[in-house]
PDB file of all heavy atoms in Angstrom:
ATOM      1  N   ILE A   1     168.773  94.319 117.409  1.00  0.00           N
ATOM      2  CA  ILE A   1     168.372  95.125 118.556  1.00  0.00           C
ATOM      3  C   ILE A   1     166.912  94.802 118.879  1.00  0.00           C
ATOM      4  O   ILE A   1     166.041  94.893 118.007  1.00  0.00           O
ATOM      5  CB  ILE A   1     168.529  96.629 118.272  1.00  0.00           C
ATOM      6  CG1 ILE A   1     170.005  96.965 118.003  1.00  0.00           C
ATOM      7  CG2 ILE A   1     168.006  97.454 119.450  1.00  0.00           C
ATOM      8  CD1 ILE A   1     170.242  98.426 117.649  1.00  0.00           C
ATOM      9  N   ILE A   2     166.672  94.383 120.116  1.00  0.00           N
ATOM     10  CA  ILE A   2     165.317  94.112 120.606  1.00  0.00           C
ATOM     11  C   ILE A   2     164.879  95.315 121.425  1.00  0.00           C
ATOM     12  O   ILE A   2     165.557  95.701 122.392  1.00  0.00           O
ATOM     13  CB  ILE A   2     165.267  92.833 121.453  1.00  0.00           C
ATOM     14  CG1 ILE A   2     165.745  91.617 120.637  1.00  0.00           C
ATOM     15  CG2 ILE A   2     163.855  92.584 121.972  1.00  0.00           C
ATOM     16  CD1 ILE A   2     165.814  90.327 121.438  1.00  0.00           C
ATOM     17  N   LEU A   3     163.778  95.925 121.046  1.00  0.00           N
ATOM     18  CA  LEU A   3     163.261  97.122 121.709  1.00  0.00           C
ATOM     19  C   LEU A   3     162.062  96.726 122.545  1.00  0.00           C
ATOM     20  O   LEU A   3     160.974  96.455 122.019  1.00  0.00           O
ATOM     21  CB  LEU A   3     162.873  98.174 120.668  1.00  0.00           C
ATOM     22  CG  LEU A   3     164.016  98.616 119.740  1.00  0.00           C
ATOM     23  CD1 LEU A   3     163.480  99.388 118.553  1.00  0.00           C
ATOM     24  CD2 LEU A   3     165.027  99.449 120.512  1.00  0.00           C
ATOM     25  N   TYR A   4     162.244  96.691 123.860  1.00  0.00           N
ATOM     26  CA  TYR A   4     161.182  96.232 124.757  1.00  0.00           C
ATOM     27  C   TYR A   4     160.362  97.428 125.241  1.00  0.00           C
ATOM     28  O   TYR A   4     160.833  98.239 126.039  1.00  0.00           O
ATOM     29  CB  TYR A   4     161.768  95.456 125.943  1.00  0.00           C
ATOM     30  CG  TYR A   4     160.700  94.824 126.802  1.00  0.00           C
ATOM     31  CD1 TYR A   4     160.100  93.632 126.418  1.00  0.00           C
ATOM     32  CD2 TYR A   4     160.265  95.428 127.966  1.00  0.00           C
ATOM     33  CE1 TYR A   4     159.105  93.055 127.170  1.00  0.00           C
ATOM     34  CE2 TYR A   4     159.262  94.854 128.736  1.00  0.00           C
ATOM     35  CZ  TYR A   4     158.686  93.666 128.328  1.00  0.00           C
ATOM     36  OH  TYR A   4     157.680  93.100 129.081  1.00  0.00           O
ATOM     37  N   GLN A   5     159.146  97.532 124.738  1.00  0.00           N
ATOM     38  CA  GLN A   5     158.185  98.575 125.092  1.00  0.00           C
ATOM     39  C   GLN A   5     158.747  99.977 124.865  1.00  0.00           C
ATOM     40  O   GLN A   5     158.494 100.900 125.643  1.00  0.00           O
ATOM     41  CB  GLN A   5     157.700  98.409 126.535  1.00  0.00           C
ATOM     42  CG  GLN A   5     157.031  97.062 126.800  1.00  0.00           C
ATOM     43  CD  GLN A   5     156.162  97.067 128.030  1.00  0.00           C
ATOM     44  OE1 GLN A   5     155.366  97.970 128.231  1.00  0.00           O
ATOM     45  NE2 GLN A   5     156.294  96.033 128.863  1.00  0.00           N
ATOM     46  N   LEU A   6     159.520 100.116 123.782  1.00  0.00           N
ATOM     47  CA  LEU A   6     160.007 101.438 123.383  1.00  0.00           C
ATOM     48  C   LEU A   6     160.316 101.413 121.894  1.00  0.00           C
ATOM     49  O   LEU A   6     160.197 100.379 121.233  1.00  0.00           O
ATOM     50  CB  LEU A   6     161.235 101.851 124.199  1.00  0.00           C
ATOM     51  CG  LEU A   6     162.435 100.891 124.299  1.00  0.00           C
ATOM     52  CD1 LEU A   6     163.341 101.007 123.089  1.00  0.00           C
ATOM     53  CD2 LEU A   6     163.235 101.190 125.547  1.00  0.00           C
ATOM     54  N   THR A   7     160.726 102.558 121.356  1.00  0.00           N
ATOM     55  CA  THR A   7     161.128 102.665 119.962  1.00  0.00           C
ATOM     56  C   THR A   7     162.502 103.320 119.913  1.00  0.00           C
ATOM     57  O   THR A   7     163.021 103.825 120.927  1.00  0.00           O
ATOM     58  CB  THR A   7     160.124 103.511 119.155  1.00  0.00           C
ATOM     59  OG1 THR A   7     160.085 104.834 119.707  1.00  0.00           O
ATOM     60  CG2 THR A   7     158.729 102.903 119.216  1.00  0.00           C
ATOM     61  N   THR A   8     163.102 103.361 118.729  1.00  0.00           N
ATOM     62  CA  THR A   8     164.423 103.994 118.611  1.00  0.00           C
ATOM     63  C   THR A   8     164.341 105.489 118.903  1.00  0.00           C
ATOM     64  O   THR A   8     165.336 106.113 119.280  1.00  0.00           O
ATOM     65  CB  THR A   8     165.007 103.771 117.210  1.00  0.00           C
ATOM     66  OG1 THR A   8     164.130 104.354 116.229  1.00  0.00           O
ATOM     67  CG2 THR A   8     165.171 102.288 116.925  1.00  0.00           C
ATOM     68  N   GLY A   9     163.135 106.056 118.739  1.00  0.00           N
ATOM     69  CA  GLY A   9     162.970 107.482 119.003  1.00  0.00           C
ATOM     70  C   GLY A   9     163.127 107.859 120.458  1.00  0.00           C
ATOM     71  O   GLY A   9     163.242 109.048 120.793  1.00  0.00           O
ATOM     72  N   ASP A  10     163.154 106.878 121.364  1.00  0.00           N
ATOM     73  CA  ASP A  10     163.331 107.171 122.782  1.00  0.00           C
ATOM     74  C   ASP A  10     164.777 107.528 123.133  1.00  0.00           C
ATOM     75  O   ASP A  10     165.054 107.930 124.268  1.00  0.00           O
ATOM     76  CB  ASP A  10     162.874 105.975 123.633  1.00  0.00           C
ATOM     77  CG  ASP A  10     161.374 105.782 123.573  1.00  0.00           C
ATOM     78  OD1 ASP A  10     160.660 106.790 123.461  1.00  0.00           O
ATOM     79  OD2 ASP A  10     160.916 104.624 123.636  1.00  0.00           O
ATOM     80  N   ASN A  11     165.690 107.352 122.178  1.00  0.00           N
ATOM     81  CA  ASN A  11     167.094 107.671 122.435  1.00  0.00           C
ATOM     82  C   ASN A  11     167.712 108.170 121.129  1.00  0.00           C
ATOM     83  O   ASN A  11     167.634 107.493 120.098  1.00  0.00           O
ATOM     84  CB  ASN A  11     167.838 106.438 122.950  1.00  0.00           C
ATOM     85  CG  ASN A  11     169.279 106.735 123.295  1.00  0.00           C
ATOM     86  OD1 ASN A  11     170.149 106.702 122.424  1.00  0.00           O
ATOM     87  ND2 ASN A  11     169.533 107.020 124.566  1.00  0.00           N
ATOM     88  N   LEU A  12     168.345 109.335 121.165  1.00  0.00           N
ATOM     89  CA  LEU A  12     168.866 109.942 119.950  1.00  0.00           C
ATOM     90  C   LEU A  12     169.975 109.102 119.313  1.00  0.00           C
ATOM     91  O   LEU A  12     170.031 108.941 118.094  1.00  0.00           O
ATOM     92  CB  LEU A  12     169.393 111.348 120.270  1.00  0.00           C
ATOM     93  CG  LEU A  12     168.327 112.395 120.616  1.00  0.00           C
ATOM     94  CD1 LEU A  12     168.985 113.725 120.975  1.00  0.00           C
ATOM     95  CD2 LEU A  12     167.358 112.579 119.455  1.00  0.00           C
ATOM     96  N   ALA A  13     170.860 108.558 120.149  1.00  0.00           N
ATOM     97  CA  ALA A  13     171.953 107.742 119.606  1.00  0.00           C
ATOM     98  C   ALA A  13     171.410 106.493 118.931  1.00  0.00           C
ATOM     99  O   ALA A  13     171.872 106.095 117.849  1.00  0.00           O
ATOM    100  CB  ALA A  13     172.929 107.372 120.726  1.00  0.00           C
ATOM    101  N   LEU A  14     170.426 105.885 119.556  1.00  0.00           N
ATOM    102  CA  LEU A  14     169.825 104.677 118.998  1.00  0.00           C
ATOM    103  C   LEU A  14     169.088 104.999 117.702  1.00  0.00           C
ATOM    104  O   LEU A  14     169.176 104.255 116.714  1.00  0.00           O
ATOM    105  CB  LEU A  14     168.872 104.060 120.026  1.00  0.00           C
ATOM    106  CG  LEU A  14     168.242 102.715 119.665  1.00  0.00           C
ATOM    107  CD1 LEU A  14     169.314 101.660 119.458  1.00  0.00           C
ATOM    108  CD2 LEU A  14     167.279 102.273 120.774  1.00  0.00           C
ATOM    109  N   LYS A  15     168.376 106.121 117.686  1.00  0.00           N
ATOM    110  CA  LYS A  15     167.628 106.518 116.491  1.00  0.00           C
ATOM    111  C   LYS A  15     168.579 106.800 115.327  1.00  0.00           C
ATOM    112  O   LYS A  15     168.328 106.393 114.186  1.00  0.00           O
ATOM    113  CB  LYS A  15     166.786 107.743 116.803  1.00  0.00           C
ATOM    114  CG  LYS A  15     165.918 108.209 115.639  1.00  0.00           C
ATOM    115  CD  LYS A  15     165.052 109.392 116.039  1.00  0.00           C
ATOM    116  CE  LYS A  15     164.156 109.819 114.882  1.00  0.00           C
ATOM    117  NZ  LYS A  15     163.285 110.958 115.255  1.00  0.00           N
ATOM    118  N   SER A  16     169.683 107.465 115.627  1.00  0.00           N
ATOM    119  CA  SER A  16     170.655 107.786 114.580  1.00  0.00           C
ATOM    120  C   SER A  16     171.298 106.529 114.012  1.00  0.00           C
ATOM    121  O   SER A  16     171.450 106.383 112.792  1.00  0.00           O
ATOM    122  CB  SER A  16     171.732 108.708 115.155  1.00  0.00           C
ATOM    123  OG  SER A  16     172.747 108.947 114.208  1.00  0.00           O
ATOM    124  N   PHE A  17     171.663 105.597 114.882  1.00  0.00           N
ATOM    125  CA  PHE A  17     172.287 104.352 114.418  1.00  0.00           C
ATOM    126  C   PHE A  17     171.314 103.537 113.565  1.00  0.00           C
ATOM    127  O   PHE A  17     171.684 103.007 112.516  1.00  0.00           O
ATOM    128  CB  PHE A  17     172.756 103.528 115.617  1.00  0.00           C
ATOM    129  CG  PHE A  17     173.279 102.172 115.247  1.00  0.00           C
ATOM    130  CD1 PHE A  17     174.519 102.027 114.648  1.00  0.00           C
ATOM    131  CD2 PHE A  17     172.521 101.029 115.493  1.00  0.00           C
ATOM    132  CE1 PHE A  17     175.002 100.770 114.289  1.00  0.00           C
ATOM    133  CE2 PHE A  17     172.991  99.775 115.141  1.00  0.00           C
ATOM    134  CZ  PHE A  17     174.235  99.649 114.534  1.00  0.00           C
ATOM    135  N   ALA A  18     170.058 103.419 114.015  1.00  0.00           N
ATOM    136  CA  ALA A  18     169.072 102.633 113.276  1.00  0.00           C
ATOM    137  C   ALA A  18     168.792 103.241 111.910  1.00  0.00           C
ATOM    138  O   ALA A  18     168.563 102.525 110.927  1.00  0.00           O
ATOM    139  CB  ALA A  18     167.782 102.536 114.085  1.00  0.00           C
ATOM    140  N   ALA A  19     168.808 104.570 111.820  1.00  0.00           N
ATOM    141  CA  ALA A  19     168.544 105.234 110.546  1.00  0.00           C
ATOM    142  C   ALA A  19     169.686 105.030 109.560  1.00  0.00           C
ATOM    143  O   ALA A  19     169.467 104.924 108.343  1.00  0.00           O
ATOM    144  CB  ALA A  19     168.309 106.726 110.786  1.00  0.00           C
ATOM    145  N   GLN A  20     170.926 104.976 110.052  1.00  0.00           N
ATOM    146  CA  GLN A  20     172.091 104.872 109.177  1.00  0.00           C
ATOM    147  C   GLN A  20     172.424 103.432 108.803  1.00  0.00           C
ATOM    148  O   GLN A  20     173.105 103.195 107.805  1.00  0.00           O
ATOM    149  CB  GLN A  20     173.302 105.523 109.846  1.00  0.00           C
ATOM    150  CG  GLN A  20     173.153 107.024 110.066  1.00  0.00           C
ATOM    151  CD  GLN A  20     174.299 107.596 110.871  1.00  0.00           C
ATOM    152  OE1 GLN A  20     175.295 106.912 111.128  1.00  0.00           O
ATOM    153  NE2 GLN A  20     174.164 108.863 111.269  1.00  0.00           N
ATOM    154  N   SER A  21     171.980 102.473 109.590  1.00  0.00           N
ATOM    155  CA  SER A  21     172.305 101.065 109.336  1.00  0.00           C
ATOM    156  C   SER A  21     171.039 100.293 108.982  1.00  0.00           C
ATOM    157  O   SER A  21     169.928 100.818 109.061  1.00  0.00           O
ATOM    158  CB  SER A  21     172.967 100.437 110.566  1.00  0.00           C
ATOM    159  OG  SER A  21     172.019 100.311 111.612  1.00  0.00           O
ATOM    160  N   LYS A  22     171.230  99.080 108.583  1.00  0.00           N
ATOM    161  CA  LYS A  22     170.104  98.187 108.292  1.00  0.00           C
ATOM    162  C   LYS A  22     169.993  97.100 109.356  1.00  0.00           C
ATOM    163  O   LYS A  22     169.525  95.990 109.087  1.00  0.00           O
ATOM    164  CB  LYS A  22     170.296  97.539 106.916  1.00  0.00           C
ATOM    165  CG  LYS A  22     170.334  98.533 105.771  1.00  0.00           C
ATOM    166  CD  LYS A  22     169.017  99.283 105.621  1.00  0.00           C
ATOM    167  CE  LYS A  22     169.047 100.227 104.429  1.00  0.00           C
ATOM    168  NZ  LYS A  22     167.780 100.977 104.278  1.00  0.00           N
ATOM    169  N   VAL A  23     170.394  97.416 110.577  1.00  0.00           N
ATOM    170  CA  VAL A  23     170.363  96.419 111.640  1.00  0.00           C
ATOM    171  C   VAL A  23     168.924  95.950 111.860  1.00  0.00           C
ATOM    172  O   VAL A  23     167.984  96.762 111.888  1.00  0.00           O
ATOM    173  CB  VAL A  23     170.954  97.000 112.945  1.00  0.00           C
ATOM    174  CG1 VAL A  23     170.150  98.192 113.450  1.00  0.00           C
ATOM    175  CG2 VAL A  23     171.044  95.931 114.021  1.00  0.00           C
ATOM    176  N   PRO A  24     168.686  94.654 111.991  1.00  0.00           N
ATOM    177  CA  PRO A  24     167.326  94.158 112.249  1.00  0.00           C
ATOM    178  C   PRO A  24     166.806  94.653 113.601  1.00  0.00           C
ATOM    179  O   PRO A  24     167.566  94.791 114.566  1.00  0.00           O
ATOM    180  CB  PRO A  24     167.498  92.633 112.253  1.00  0.00           C
ATOM    181  CG  PRO A  24     168.772  92.385 111.517  1.00  0.00           C
ATOM    182  CD  PRO A  24     169.647  93.557 111.808  1.00  0.00           C
ATOM    183  N   LEU A  25     165.498  94.917 113.657  1.00  0.00           N
ATOM    184  CA  LEU A  25     164.859  95.415 114.872  1.00  0.00           C
ATOM    185  C   LEU A  25     163.693  94.510 115.241  1.00  0.00           C
ATOM    186  O   LEU A  25     162.925  94.093 114.366  1.00  0.00           O
ATOM    187  CB  LEU A  25     164.347  96.850 114.672  1.00  0.00           C
ATOM    188  CG  LEU A  25     165.388  97.911 114.312  1.00  0.00           C
ATOM    189  CD1 LEU A  25     164.705  99.234 114.005  1.00  0.00           C
ATOM    190  CD2 LEU A  25     166.398  98.083 115.436  1.00  0.00           C
ATOM    191  N   TRP A  26     163.567  94.225 116.529  1.00  0.00           N
ATOM    192  CA  TRP A  26     162.445  93.433 117.032  1.00  0.00           C
ATOM    193  C   TRP A  26     161.743  94.275 118.104  1.00  0.00           C
ATOM    194  O   TRP A  26     162.302  94.549 119.160  1.00  0.00           O
ATOM    195  CB  TRP A  26     162.944  92.114 117.616  1.00  0.00           C
ATOM    196  CG  TRP A  26     161.834  91.169 118.012  1.00  0.00           C
ATOM    197  CD1 TRP A  26     160.498  91.455 118.108  1.00  0.00           C
ATOM    198  CD2 TRP A  26     161.957  89.794 118.357  1.00  0.00           C
ATOM    199  NE1 TRP A  26     159.779  90.351 118.477  1.00  0.00           N
ATOM    200  CE2 TRP A  26     160.653  89.310 118.644  1.00  0.00           C
ATOM    201  CE3 TRP A  26     163.025  88.925 118.473  1.00  0.00           C
ATOM    202  CZ2 TRP A  26     160.409  88.002 119.036  1.00  0.00           C
ATOM    203  CZ3 TRP A  26     162.783  87.615 118.853  1.00  0.00           C
ATOM    204  CH2 TRP A  26     161.489  87.150 119.126  1.00  0.00           C
ATOM    205  N   TYR A  27     160.512  94.685 117.802  1.00  0.00           N
ATOM    206  CA  TYR A  27     159.720  95.494 118.718  1.00  0.00           C
ATOM    207  C   TYR A  27     158.825  94.588 119.565  1.00  0.00           C
ATOM    208  O   TYR A  27     158.169  93.680 119.036  1.00  0.00           O
ATOM    209  CB  TYR A  27     158.831  96.474 117.951  1.00  0.00           C
ATOM    210  CG  TYR A  27     159.582  97.478 117.100  1.00  0.00           C
ATOM    211  CD1 TYR A  27     159.976  97.165 115.800  1.00  0.00           C
ATOM    212  CD2 TYR A  27     159.879  98.733 117.594  1.00  0.00           C
ATOM    213  CE1 TYR A  27     160.653  98.089 115.014  1.00  0.00           C
ATOM    214  CE2 TYR A  27     160.563  99.670 116.814  1.00  0.00           C
ATOM    215  CZ  TYR A  27     160.947  99.334 115.527  1.00  0.00           C
ATOM    216  OH  TYR A  27     161.613 100.241 114.754  1.00  0.00           O
ATOM    217  N   ILE A  28     158.778  94.851 120.857  1.00  0.00           N
ATOM    218  CA  ILE A  28     157.869  94.152 121.766  1.00  0.00           C
ATOM    219  C   ILE A  28     157.070  95.223 122.506  1.00  0.00           C
ATOM    220  O   ILE A  28     157.647  96.069 123.197  1.00  0.00           O
ATOM    221  CB  ILE A  28     158.625  93.257 122.765  1.00  0.00           C
ATOM    222  CG1 ILE A  28     159.464  92.207 122.016  1.00  0.00           C
ATOM    223  CG2 ILE A  28     157.648  92.573 123.720  1.00  0.00           C
ATOM    224  CD1 ILE A  28     160.289  91.308 122.923  1.00  0.00           C
ATOM    225  N   THR A  29     155.755  95.199 122.349  1.00  0.00           N
ATOM    226  CA  THR A  29     154.910  96.228 122.952  1.00  0.00           C
ATOM    227  C   THR A  29     154.286  95.726 124.245  1.00  0.00           C
ATOM    228  O   THR A  29     154.267  94.528 124.532  1.00  0.00           O
ATOM    229  CB  THR A  29     153.792  96.662 121.997  1.00  0.00           C
ATOM    230  OG1 THR A  29     152.890  95.554 121.800  1.00  0.00           O
ATOM    231  CG2 THR A  29     154.346  97.104 120.663  1.00  0.00           C
ATOM    232  N   GLY A  30     153.752  96.692 125.017  1.00  0.00           N
ATOM    233  CA  GLY A  30     153.094  96.374 126.279  1.00  0.00           C
ATOM    234  C   GLY A  30     152.384  97.600 126.809  1.00  0.00           C
ATOM    235  O   GLY A  30     152.134  98.576 126.086  1.00  0.00           O
ATOM    236  N   ALA A  31     152.091  97.586 128.102  1.00  0.00           N
ATOM    237  CA  ALA A  31     151.328  98.673 128.701  1.00  0.00           C
ATOM    238  C   ALA A  31     152.097  99.986 128.675  1.00  0.00           C
ATOM    239  O   ALA A  31     151.495 101.065 128.701  1.00  0.00           O
ATOM    240  CB  ALA A  31     150.960  98.313 130.140  1.00  0.00           C
ATOM    241  N   GLN A  32     153.455  99.942 128.643  1.00  0.00           N
ATOM    242  CA  GLN A  32     154.255 101.159 128.680  1.00  0.00           C
ATOM    243  C   GLN A  32     154.576 101.709 127.292  1.00  0.00           C
ATOM    244  O   GLN A  32     155.227 102.744 127.172  1.00  0.00           O
ATOM    245  CB  GLN A  32     155.565 100.893 129.426  1.00  0.00           C
ATOM    246  CG  GLN A  32     155.395 100.373 130.842  1.00  0.00           C
ATOM    247  CD  GLN A  32     156.726  99.983 131.466  1.00  0.00           C
ATOM    248  OE1 GLN A  32     157.775 100.431 131.040  1.00  0.00           O
ATOM    249  NE2 GLN A  32     156.674  99.131 132.479  1.00  0.00           N
ATOM    250  N   SER A  33     154.124 101.041 126.243  1.00  0.00           N
ATOM    251  CA  SER A  33     154.501 101.443 124.885  1.00  0.00           C
ATOM    252  C   SER A  33     153.769 102.703 124.453  1.00  0.00           C
ATOM    253  O   SER A  33     152.590 102.905 124.772  1.00  0.00           O
ATOM    254  CB  SER A  33     154.194 100.307 123.894  1.00  0.00           C
ATOM    255  OG  SER A  33     154.967  99.168 124.172  1.00  0.00           O
ATOM    256  N   ASN A  34     154.478 103.539 123.708  1.00  0.00           N
ATOM    257  CA  ASN A  34     153.877 104.689 123.038  1.00  0.00           C
ATOM    258  C   ASN A  34     153.456 104.228 121.648  1.00  0.00           C
ATOM    259  O   ASN A  34     154.281 104.084 120.749  1.00  0.00           O
ATOM    260  CB  ASN A  34     154.881 105.842 122.952  1.00  0.00           C
ATOM    261  CG  ASN A  34     154.259 107.103 122.386  1.00  0.00           C
ATOM    262  OD1 ASN A  34     153.444 107.067 121.470  1.00  0.00           O
ATOM    263  ND2 ASN A  34     154.652 108.243 122.941  1.00  0.00           N
ATOM    264  N   LEU A  35     152.150 103.961 121.477  1.00  0.00           N
ATOM    265  CA  LEU A  35     151.672 103.345 120.241  1.00  0.00           C
ATOM    266  C   LEU A  35     151.793 104.286 119.045  1.00  0.00           C
ATOM    267  O   LEU A  35     151.954 103.820 117.908  1.00  0.00           O
ATOM    268  CB  LEU A  35     150.230 102.881 120.424  1.00  0.00           C
ATOM    269  CG  LEU A  35     150.021 101.801 121.498  1.00  0.00           C
ATOM    270  CD1 LEU A  35     148.566 101.362 121.547  1.00  0.00           C
ATOM    271  CD2 LEU A  35     150.922 100.587 121.237  1.00  0.00           C
ATOM    272  N   SER A  36     151.729 105.589 119.268  1.00  0.00           N
ATOM    273  CA  SER A  36     151.897 106.529 118.150  1.00  0.00           C
ATOM    274  C   SER A  36     153.304 106.413 117.577  1.00  0.00           C
ATOM    275  O   SER A  36     153.490 106.332 116.352  1.00  0.00           O
ATOM    276  CB  SER A  36     151.626 107.957 118.622  1.00  0.00           C
ATOM    277  OG  SER A  36     150.285 108.094 119.041  1.00  0.00           O
ATOM    278  N   ASP A  37     154.314 106.406 118.447  1.00  0.00           N
ATOM    279  CA  ASP A  37     155.695 106.236 117.979  1.00  0.00           C
ATOM    280  C   ASP A  37     155.894 104.858 117.354  1.00  0.00           C
ATOM    281  O   ASP A  37     156.614 104.717 116.357  1.00  0.00           O
ATOM    282  CB  ASP A  37     156.664 106.415 119.147  1.00  0.00           C
ATOM    283  CG  ASP A  37     156.704 107.859 119.645  1.00  0.00           C
ATOM    284  OD1 ASP A  37     156.175 108.743 118.938  1.00  0.00           O
ATOM    285  OD2 ASP A  37     157.246 108.082 120.750  1.00  0.00           O
ATOM    286  N   PHE A  38     155.264 103.836 117.943  1.00  0.00           N
ATOM    287  CA  PHE A  38     155.372 102.465 117.426  1.00  0.00           C
ATOM    288  C   PHE A  38     154.834 102.388 115.996  1.00  0.00           C
ATOM    289  O   PHE A  38     155.477 101.822 115.106  1.00  0.00           O
ATOM    290  CB  PHE A  38     154.612 101.516 118.352  1.00  0.00           C
ATOM    291  CG  PHE A  38     154.512 100.102 117.852  1.00  0.00           C
ATOM    292  CD1 PHE A  38     155.589  99.239 117.924  1.00  0.00           C
ATOM    293  CD2 PHE A  38     153.331  99.626 117.303  1.00  0.00           C
ATOM    294  CE1 PHE A  38     155.507  97.928 117.474  1.00  0.00           C
ATOM    295  CE2 PHE A  38     153.224  98.319 116.848  1.00  0.00           C
ATOM    296  CZ  PHE A  38     154.318  97.474 116.935  1.00  0.00           C
ATOM    297  N   ASN A  39     153.665 102.979 115.752  1.00  0.00           N
ATOM    298  CA  ASN A  39     153.066 102.946 114.413  1.00  0.00           C
ATOM    299  C   ASN A  39     153.856 103.780 113.412  1.00  0.00           C
ATOM    300  O   ASN A  39     153.946 103.433 112.224  1.00  0.00           O
ATOM    301  CB  ASN A  39     151.627 103.451 114.472  1.00  0.00           C
ATOM    302  CG  ASN A  39     150.700 102.492 115.207  1.00  0.00           C
ATOM    303  OD1 ASN A  39     150.920 101.284 115.210  1.00  0.00           O
ATOM    304  ND2 ASN A  39     149.671 103.028 115.844  1.00  0.00           N
TER     305      ASN A  39
END
């Protein structure tokens, strides 16, 4: 899952799936990113 300027916390279904699985995640940040959630 590639997360473009967001985190799994931006969607409950996505957050739940990521927490239960070990699926690889690729974060890409930018001007719209919430850096607190990213960190």
